[in-house]
Amino acid sequence: MQFNSIDFMRFFPIVLGTYFVIPKRVRSIWLLLASYYFYMNWNPKYALLMAFSTLATYASGILIEKNDRTVNAKRNKKIILATCLVVNLGILAIFKYANFMIDTVDGIFQVLHMNITPPRYNIVLPVGISFYTFQALGY
């Protein structure tokens, strides 16, 4: 669904109207669900990727908050944060930079006159992956 499509012209007033009618405590959830629906109109399987990133980040936030009362709170929080960063930046690296890294390794092999061809992957870059990854990291 594109912003200048008829589908979006139907979608947006429904989302906006519902937002102002529903109770304030569920508005954030409504916007989250509407955002996922909007994103899924491009490619549903990449919404699963975004959902994984969202859940990993949210779970990390909850775990960091719960570690306030533990003995090794500072160390545990750092480990949780580092894990969250590795997961989110790992997703970004795979989808955005995997082909670049494969081409670089292939170039090194060619310079060294080695007949090794790394496997090629047809990876489609998900729309907005950098944006939502850095939003997750900011959280």
N, C-alpha and C. Protein backbone atom coordinates (compact mmCIF):
# COMPACT_ATOMS: atom_id res chain seq x y z
N MET A 1 0.85 -1.16 0.00
CA MET A 1 0.00 0.00 0.00
C MET A 1 0.90 1.23 0.00
N GLN A 2 0.67 2.09 -0.93
CA GLN A 2 1.44 3.33 -1.00
C GLN A 2 0.62 4.49 -0.47
N PHE A 3 1.30 5.55 -0.06
CA PHE A 3 0.61 6.69 0.53
C PHE A 3 -0.33 7.39 -0.45
N ASN A 4 -0.06 7.26 -1.74
CA ASN A 4 -0.89 7.93 -2.74
C ASN A 4 -1.87 6.97 -3.42
N SER A 5 -2.21 5.87 -2.76
CA SER A 5 -3.13 4.89 -3.35
C SER A 5 -4.54 5.05 -2.78
N ILE A 6 -5.49 4.50 -3.50
CA ILE A 6 -6.89 4.48 -3.04
C ILE A 6 -6.99 3.67 -1.74
N ASP A 7 -6.25 2.56 -1.67
CA ASP A 7 -6.28 1.74 -0.46
C ASP A 7 -5.87 2.55 0.76
N PHE A 8 -4.83 3.37 0.63
CA PHE A 8 -4.39 4.18 1.76
C PHE A 8 -5.44 5.24 2.11
N MET A 9 -6.12 5.76 1.09
CA MET A 9 -7.16 6.77 1.35
C MET A 9 -8.34 6.17 2.11
N ARG A 10 -8.52 4.86 2.01
CA ARG A 10 -9.54 4.17 2.81
C ARG A 10 -8.98 3.82 4.20
N PHE A 11 -7.75 3.37 4.21
CA PHE A 11 -7.11 2.89 5.43
C PHE A 11 -6.92 4.00 6.46
N PHE A 12 -6.39 5.13 6.03
CA PHE A 12 -6.03 6.20 6.96
C PHE A 12 -7.21 6.76 7.74
N PRO A 13 -8.33 7.11 7.09
CA PRO A 13 -9.46 7.62 7.89
C PRO A 13 -10.00 6.60 8.89
N ILE A 14 -9.96 5.32 8.53
CA ILE A 14 -10.41 4.28 9.47
C ILE A 14 -9.50 4.24 10.69
N VAL A 15 -8.19 4.26 10.45
CA VAL A 15 -7.22 4.23 11.55
C VAL A 15 -7.37 5.47 12.41
N LEU A 16 -7.45 6.63 11.79
CA LEU A 16 -7.54 7.89 12.52
C LEU A 16 -8.85 7.98 13.29
N GLY A 17 -9.96 7.64 12.65
CA GLY A 17 -11.26 7.69 13.32
C GLY A 17 -11.33 6.74 14.50
N THR A 18 -10.83 5.53 14.30
CA THR A 18 -10.83 4.55 15.39
C THR A 18 -9.95 5.03 16.54
N TYR A 19 -8.84 5.65 16.22
CA TYR A 19 -7.91 6.15 17.24
C TYR A 19 -8.63 7.09 18.21
N PHE A 20 -9.44 7.99 17.69
CA PHE A 20 -10.09 8.97 18.54
C PHE A 20 -11.34 8.43 19.24
N VAL A 21 -11.84 7.28 18.82
CA VAL A 21 -13.03 6.69 19.43
C VAL A 21 -12.67 5.72 20.56
N ILE A 22 -11.57 5.02 20.42
CA ILE A 22 -11.21 4.00 21.41
C ILE A 22 -10.62 4.64 22.67
N PRO A 23 -10.62 3.91 23.79
CA PRO A 23 -10.04 4.45 25.03
C PRO A 23 -8.54 4.75 24.89
N LYS A 24 -8.08 5.72 25.62
CA LYS A 24 -6.68 6.15 25.53
C LYS A 24 -5.70 5.04 25.86
N ARG A 25 -6.06 4.13 26.75
CA ARG A 25 -5.12 3.09 27.18
C ARG A 25 -4.81 2.08 26.08
N VAL A 26 -5.66 1.98 25.05
CA VAL A 26 -5.40 1.02 23.97
C VAL A 26 -5.01 1.68 22.65
N ARG A 27 -4.85 2.99 22.65
CA ARG A 27 -4.49 3.70 21.42
C ARG A 27 -3.13 3.28 20.87
N SER A 28 -2.16 3.09 21.76
CA SER A 28 -0.83 2.68 21.31
C SER A 28 -0.87 1.30 20.65
N ILE A 29 -1.64 0.41 21.24
CA ILE A 29 -1.78 -0.93 20.66
C ILE A 29 -2.46 -0.85 19.31
N TRP A 30 -3.50 -0.02 19.21
CA TRP A 30 -4.19 0.16 17.93
C TRP A 30 -3.24 0.67 16.85
N LEU A 31 -2.43 1.67 17.19
CA LEU A 31 -1.48 2.20 16.20
C LEU A 31 -0.42 1.16 15.83
N LEU A 32 0.00 0.36 16.79
CA LEU A 32 0.96 -0.71 16.50
C LEU A 32 0.35 -1.72 15.52
N LEU A 33 -0.87 -2.15 15.78
CA LEU A 33 -1.53 -3.11 14.89
C LEU A 33 -1.77 -2.52 13.50
N ALA A 34 -2.19 -1.26 13.46
CA ALA A 34 -2.42 -0.61 12.17
C ALA A 34 -1.10 -0.46 11.40
N SER A 35 -0.03 -0.18 12.10
CA SER A 35 1.28 -0.06 11.46
C SER A 35 1.73 -1.39 10.88
N TYR A 36 1.53 -2.45 11.64
CA TYR A 36 1.88 -3.78 11.14
C TYR A 36 1.04 -4.14 9.92
N TYR A 37 -0.24 -3.82 9.95
CA TYR A 37 -1.10 -4.09 8.80
C TYR A 37 -0.61 -3.32 7.57
N PHE A 38 -0.29 -2.05 7.78
CA PHE A 38 0.23 -1.23 6.68
C PHE A 38 1.51 -1.83 6.11
N TYR A 39 2.41 -2.24 6.99
CA TYR A 39 3.69 -2.82 6.56
C TYR A 39 3.47 -4.15 5.85
N MET A 40 2.51 -4.93 6.34
CA MET A 40 2.25 -6.25 5.75
C MET A 40 1.69 -6.14 4.34
N ASN A 41 1.12 -5.02 3.98
CA ASN A 41 0.63 -4.84 2.62
C ASN A 41 1.77 -4.80 1.61
N TRP A 42 2.97 -4.48 2.07
CA TRP A 42 4.13 -4.53 1.17
C TRP A 42 4.61 -5.96 1.03
N ASN A 43 4.92 -6.61 2.15
CA ASN A 43 5.39 -8.00 2.12
C ASN A 43 5.17 -8.60 3.51
N PRO A 44 4.19 -9.50 3.64
CA PRO A 44 3.84 -10.02 4.97
C PRO A 44 4.98 -10.72 5.71
N LYS A 45 5.87 -11.39 4.99
CA LYS A 45 6.93 -12.11 5.70
C LYS A 45 7.92 -11.17 6.39
N TYR A 46 8.08 -9.97 5.88
CA TYR A 46 8.99 -9.04 6.54
C TYR A 46 8.36 -8.40 7.77
N ALA A 47 7.04 -8.47 7.88
CA ALA A 47 6.39 -8.02 9.11
C ALA A 47 6.78 -8.94 10.27
N LEU A 48 7.01 -10.21 9.97
CA LEU A 48 7.48 -11.14 11.00
C LEU A 48 8.87 -10.73 11.50
N LEU A 49 9.70 -10.28 10.59
CA LEU A 49 11.03 -9.81 10.96
C LEU A 49 10.93 -8.58 11.88
N MET A 50 10.04 -7.65 11.50
CA MET A 50 9.85 -6.46 12.31
C MET A 50 9.23 -6.84 13.67
N ALA A 51 8.33 -7.80 13.68
CA ALA A 51 7.72 -8.25 14.93
C ALA A 51 8.77 -8.89 15.84
N PHE A 52 9.68 -9.67 15.26
CA PHE A 52 10.75 -10.27 16.05
C PHE A 52 11.62 -9.19 16.68
N SER A 53 11.97 -8.18 15.91
CA SER A 53 12.77 -7.07 16.42
C SER A 53 12.03 -6.34 17.53
N THR A 54 10.74 -6.10 17.32
CA THR A 54 9.93 -5.41 18.32
C THR A 54 9.86 -6.21 19.62
N LEU A 55 9.58 -7.51 19.49
CA LEU A 55 9.46 -8.35 20.69
C LEU A 55 10.79 -8.49 21.43
N ALA A 56 11.88 -8.63 20.68
CA ALA A 56 13.20 -8.74 21.32
C ALA A 56 13.53 -7.46 22.08
N THR A 57 13.23 -6.33 21.49
CA THR A 57 13.52 -5.05 22.13
C THR A 57 12.62 -4.83 23.35
N TYR A 58 11.35 -5.13 23.20
CA TYR A 58 10.40 -4.96 24.31
C TYR A 58 10.76 -5.89 25.47
N ALA A 59 11.07 -7.14 25.15
CA ALA A 59 11.46 -8.09 26.20
C ALA A 59 12.74 -7.63 26.90
N SER A 60 13.67 -7.09 26.14
CA SER A 60 14.91 -6.58 26.74
C SER A 60 14.61 -5.44 27.71
N GLY A 61 13.71 -4.55 27.31
CA GLY A 61 13.33 -3.45 28.20
C GLY A 61 12.72 -3.94 29.50
N ILE A 62 11.85 -4.94 29.40
CA ILE A 62 11.22 -5.51 30.60
C ILE A 62 12.27 -6.18 31.48
N LEU A 63 13.18 -6.95 30.86
CA LEU A 63 14.22 -7.63 31.64
C LEU A 63 15.17 -6.64 32.32
N ILE A 64 15.49 -5.56 31.63
CA ILE A 64 16.35 -4.54 32.23
C ILE A 64 15.66 -3.92 33.44
N GLU A 65 14.36 -3.64 33.31
CA GLU A 65 13.63 -3.06 34.42
C GLU A 65 13.54 -4.03 35.61
N LYS A 66 13.34 -5.30 35.34
CA LYS A 66 13.22 -6.28 36.42
C LYS A 66 14.55 -6.55 37.11
N ASN A 67 15.65 -6.23 36.47
CA ASN A 67 16.97 -6.48 37.07
C ASN A 67 17.39 -5.39 38.03
N ASP A 68 16.52 -4.46 38.34
CA ASP A 68 16.86 -3.42 39.32
C ASP A 68 17.06 -4.00 40.71
N ARG A 69 16.40 -5.10 40.99
CA ARG A 69 16.40 -5.64 42.35
C ARG A 69 17.37 -6.80 42.54
N THR A 70 18.17 -7.11 41.54
CA THR A 70 19.08 -8.25 41.66
C THR A 70 20.44 -7.82 42.18
N VAL A 71 21.23 -8.79 42.60
CA VAL A 71 22.55 -8.52 43.16
C VAL A 71 23.50 -7.97 42.09
N ASN A 72 23.52 -8.60 40.94
CA ASN A 72 24.41 -8.17 39.85
C ASN A 72 23.64 -7.35 38.82
N ALA A 73 22.84 -6.40 39.27
CA ALA A 73 21.94 -5.66 38.40
C ALA A 73 22.68 -4.95 37.26
N LYS A 74 23.74 -4.27 37.57
CA LYS A 74 24.45 -3.49 36.55
C LYS A 74 25.03 -4.40 35.47
N ARG A 75 25.65 -5.49 35.88
CA ARG A 75 26.24 -6.43 34.93
C ARG A 75 25.15 -7.10 34.08
N ASN A 76 24.06 -7.52 34.72
CA ASN A 76 22.97 -8.16 34.01
C ASN A 76 22.34 -7.23 32.98
N LYS A 77 22.16 -5.97 33.37
CA LYS A 77 21.58 -5.00 32.45
C LYS A 77 22.46 -4.79 31.22
N LYS A 78 23.75 -4.76 31.44
CA LYS A 78 24.68 -4.59 30.32
C LYS A 78 24.61 -5.80 29.37
N ILE A 79 24.51 -6.99 29.93
CA ILE A 79 24.41 -8.20 29.11
C ILE A 79 23.12 -8.20 28.30
N ILE A 80 22.01 -7.82 28.94
CA ILE A 80 20.73 -7.77 28.25
C ILE A 80 20.77 -6.72 27.14
N LEU A 81 21.31 -5.56 27.44
CA LEU A 81 21.41 -4.50 26.44
C LEU A 81 22.30 -4.94 25.27
N ALA A 82 23.43 -5.54 25.57
CA ALA A 82 24.34 -5.99 24.52
C ALA A 82 23.67 -7.05 23.63
N THR A 83 22.92 -7.95 24.24
CA THR A 83 22.21 -8.96 23.47
C THR A 83 21.18 -8.33 22.54
N CYS A 84 20.45 -7.36 23.06
CA CYS A 84 19.45 -6.66 22.25
C CYS A 84 20.12 -5.93 21.08
N LEU A 85 21.24 -5.28 21.35
CA LEU A 85 21.97 -4.58 20.29
C LEU A 85 22.47 -5.55 19.22
N VAL A 86 23.01 -6.69 19.65
CA VAL A 86 23.53 -7.68 18.70
C VAL A 86 22.39 -8.24 17.84
N VAL A 87 21.25 -8.52 18.46
CA VAL A 87 20.11 -9.06 17.70
C VAL A 87 19.65 -8.05 16.65
N ASN A 88 19.40 -6.82 17.07
CA ASN A 88 18.88 -5.81 16.14
C ASN A 88 19.90 -5.42 15.07
N LEU A 89 21.14 -5.20 15.47
CA LEU A 89 22.16 -4.85 14.47
C LEU A 89 22.52 -6.04 13.60
N GLY A 90 22.38 -7.25 14.14
CA GLY A 90 22.61 -8.45 13.34
C GLY A 90 21.59 -8.58 12.22
N ILE A 91 20.32 -8.31 12.54
CA ILE A 91 19.26 -8.34 11.52
C ILE A 91 19.57 -7.31 10.44
N LEU A 92 19.92 -6.11 10.87
CA LEU A 92 20.25 -5.05 9.91
C LEU A 92 21.45 -5.44 9.04
N ALA A 93 22.47 -5.99 9.66
CA ALA A 93 23.68 -6.37 8.93
C ALA A 93 23.39 -7.46 7.91
N ILE A 94 22.60 -8.44 8.29
CA ILE A 94 22.29 -9.53 7.36
C ILE A 94 21.54 -9.01 6.14
N PHE A 95 20.51 -8.23 6.38
CA PHE A 95 19.68 -7.80 5.25
C PHE A 95 20.30 -6.67 4.45
N LYS A 96 21.06 -5.81 5.10
CA LYS A 96 21.58 -4.64 4.38
C LYS A 96 22.99 -4.85 3.84
N TYR A 97 23.80 -5.65 4.55
CA TYR A 97 25.21 -5.72 4.20
C TYR A 97 25.71 -7.10 3.82
N ALA A 98 24.85 -8.12 3.84
CA ALA A 98 25.31 -9.48 3.54
C ALA A 98 25.89 -9.58 2.13
N ASN A 99 25.18 -9.06 1.14
CA ASN A 99 25.69 -9.14 -0.23
C ASN A 99 26.99 -8.36 -0.40
N PHE A 100 27.11 -7.23 0.27
CA PHE A 100 28.35 -6.45 0.23
C PHE A 100 29.51 -7.25 0.80
N MET A 101 29.26 -7.92 1.93
CA MET A 101 30.32 -8.72 2.56
C MET A 101 30.71 -9.91 1.67
N ILE A 102 29.72 -10.53 1.05
CA ILE A 102 29.99 -11.66 0.16
C ILE A 102 30.81 -11.19 -1.04
N ASP A 103 30.45 -10.05 -1.63
CA ASP A 103 31.21 -9.51 -2.76
C ASP A 103 32.64 -9.16 -2.35
N THR A 104 32.81 -8.64 -1.14
CA THR A 104 34.15 -8.30 -0.66
C THR A 104 35.01 -9.55 -0.51
N VAL A 105 34.45 -10.58 0.09
CA VAL A 105 35.18 -11.85 0.25
C VAL A 105 35.52 -12.44 -1.11
N ASP A 106 34.57 -12.38 -2.03
CA ASP A 106 34.81 -12.89 -3.39
C ASP A 106 35.94 -12.11 -4.06
N GLY A 107 35.96 -10.78 -3.87
CA GLY A 107 37.03 -9.96 -4.44
C GLY A 107 38.39 -10.31 -3.87
N ILE A 108 38.43 -10.59 -2.57
CA ILE A 108 39.69 -10.99 -1.93
C ILE A 108 40.17 -12.32 -2.50
N PHE A 109 39.25 -13.27 -2.67
CA PHE A 109 39.61 -14.56 -3.26
C PHE A 109 40.16 -14.40 -4.67
N GLN A 110 39.55 -13.49 -5.44
CA GLN A 110 40.02 -13.29 -6.81
C GLN A 110 41.41 -12.66 -6.83
N VAL A 111 41.68 -11.71 -5.94
CA VAL A 111 42.99 -11.08 -5.87
C VAL A 111 44.06 -12.10 -5.51
N LEU A 112 43.70 -13.03 -4.64
CA LEU A 112 44.62 -14.08 -4.22
C LEU A 112 44.66 -15.26 -5.19
N HIS A 113 43.95 -15.12 -6.32
CA HIS A 113 43.88 -16.16 -7.36
C HIS A 113 43.37 -17.50 -6.81
N MET A 114 42.40 -17.41 -5.94
CA MET A 114 41.77 -18.60 -5.39
C MET A 114 40.42 -18.80 -6.10
N ASN A 115 40.17 -19.98 -6.56
CA ASN A 115 38.92 -20.26 -7.27
C ASN A 115 37.83 -20.72 -6.30
N ILE A 116 37.55 -19.88 -5.34
CA ILE A 116 36.49 -20.16 -4.38
C ILE A 116 35.40 -19.12 -4.61
N THR A 117 34.21 -19.60 -4.85
CA THR A 117 33.08 -18.69 -5.07
C THR A 117 32.11 -18.80 -3.89
N PRO A 118 32.01 -17.75 -3.10
CA PRO A 118 31.05 -17.80 -1.99
C PRO A 118 29.62 -17.87 -2.52
N PRO A 119 28.72 -18.47 -1.77
CA PRO A 119 27.33 -18.56 -2.23
C PRO A 119 26.68 -17.18 -2.31
N ARG A 120 25.85 -17.00 -3.27
CA ARG A 120 25.11 -15.74 -3.45
C ARG A 120 23.71 -15.92 -2.89
N TYR A 121 23.22 -14.88 -2.26
CA TYR A 121 21.88 -14.90 -1.70
C TYR A 121 21.07 -13.77 -2.31
N ASN A 122 19.86 -14.07 -2.68
CA ASN A 122 18.97 -13.06 -3.24
C ASN A 122 18.18 -12.45 -2.08
N ILE A 123 18.79 -11.51 -1.41
CA ILE A 123 18.19 -10.89 -0.23
C ILE A 123 17.53 -9.58 -0.65
N VAL A 124 16.24 -9.47 -0.37
CA VAL A 124 15.51 -8.24 -0.63
C VAL A 124 15.58 -7.40 0.63
N LEU A 125 15.97 -6.16 0.47
CA LEU A 125 16.08 -5.25 1.62
C LEU A 125 14.68 -4.82 2.05
N PRO A 126 14.27 -5.18 3.28
CA PRO A 126 12.95 -4.77 3.75
C PRO A 126 12.82 -3.25 3.84
N VAL A 127 11.66 -2.75 3.46
CA VAL A 127 11.40 -1.32 3.49
C VAL A 127 11.50 -0.82 4.92
N GLY A 128 12.26 0.21 5.14
CA GLY A 128 12.35 0.86 6.44
C GLY A 128 13.13 0.11 7.50
N ILE A 129 13.93 -0.89 7.11
CA ILE A 129 14.64 -1.70 8.12
C ILE A 129 15.59 -0.84 8.95
N SER A 130 16.27 0.09 8.34
CA SER A 130 17.18 0.95 9.11
C SER A 130 16.40 1.80 10.09
N PHE A 131 15.27 2.34 9.64
CA PHE A 131 14.46 3.20 10.50
C PHE A 131 13.97 2.45 11.73
N TYR A 132 13.30 1.31 11.53
CA TYR A 132 12.76 0.65 12.71
C TYR A 132 13.84 -0.01 13.55
N THR A 133 14.98 -0.37 12.96
CA THR A 133 16.08 -0.89 13.77
C THR A 133 16.64 0.18 14.69
N PHE A 134 16.85 1.37 14.16
CA PHE A 134 17.39 2.44 15.00
C PHE A 134 16.35 2.98 15.98
N GLN A 135 15.08 2.89 15.64
CA GLN A 135 14.03 3.23 16.61
C GLN A 135 14.07 2.23 17.78
N ALA A 136 14.24 0.95 17.45
CA ALA A 136 14.33 -0.09 18.49
C ALA A 136 15.55 0.15 19.37
N LEU A 137 16.68 0.49 18.75
CA LEU A 137 17.89 0.75 19.53
C LEU A 137 17.74 1.98 20.42
N GLY A 138 17.01 2.96 19.94
CA GLY A 138 16.75 4.15 20.75
C GLY A 138 15.88 3.86 21.95
N TYR A 139 15.01 2.88 21.80
CA TYR A 139 14.15 2.48 22.92
C TYR A 139 14.98 1.88 24.03
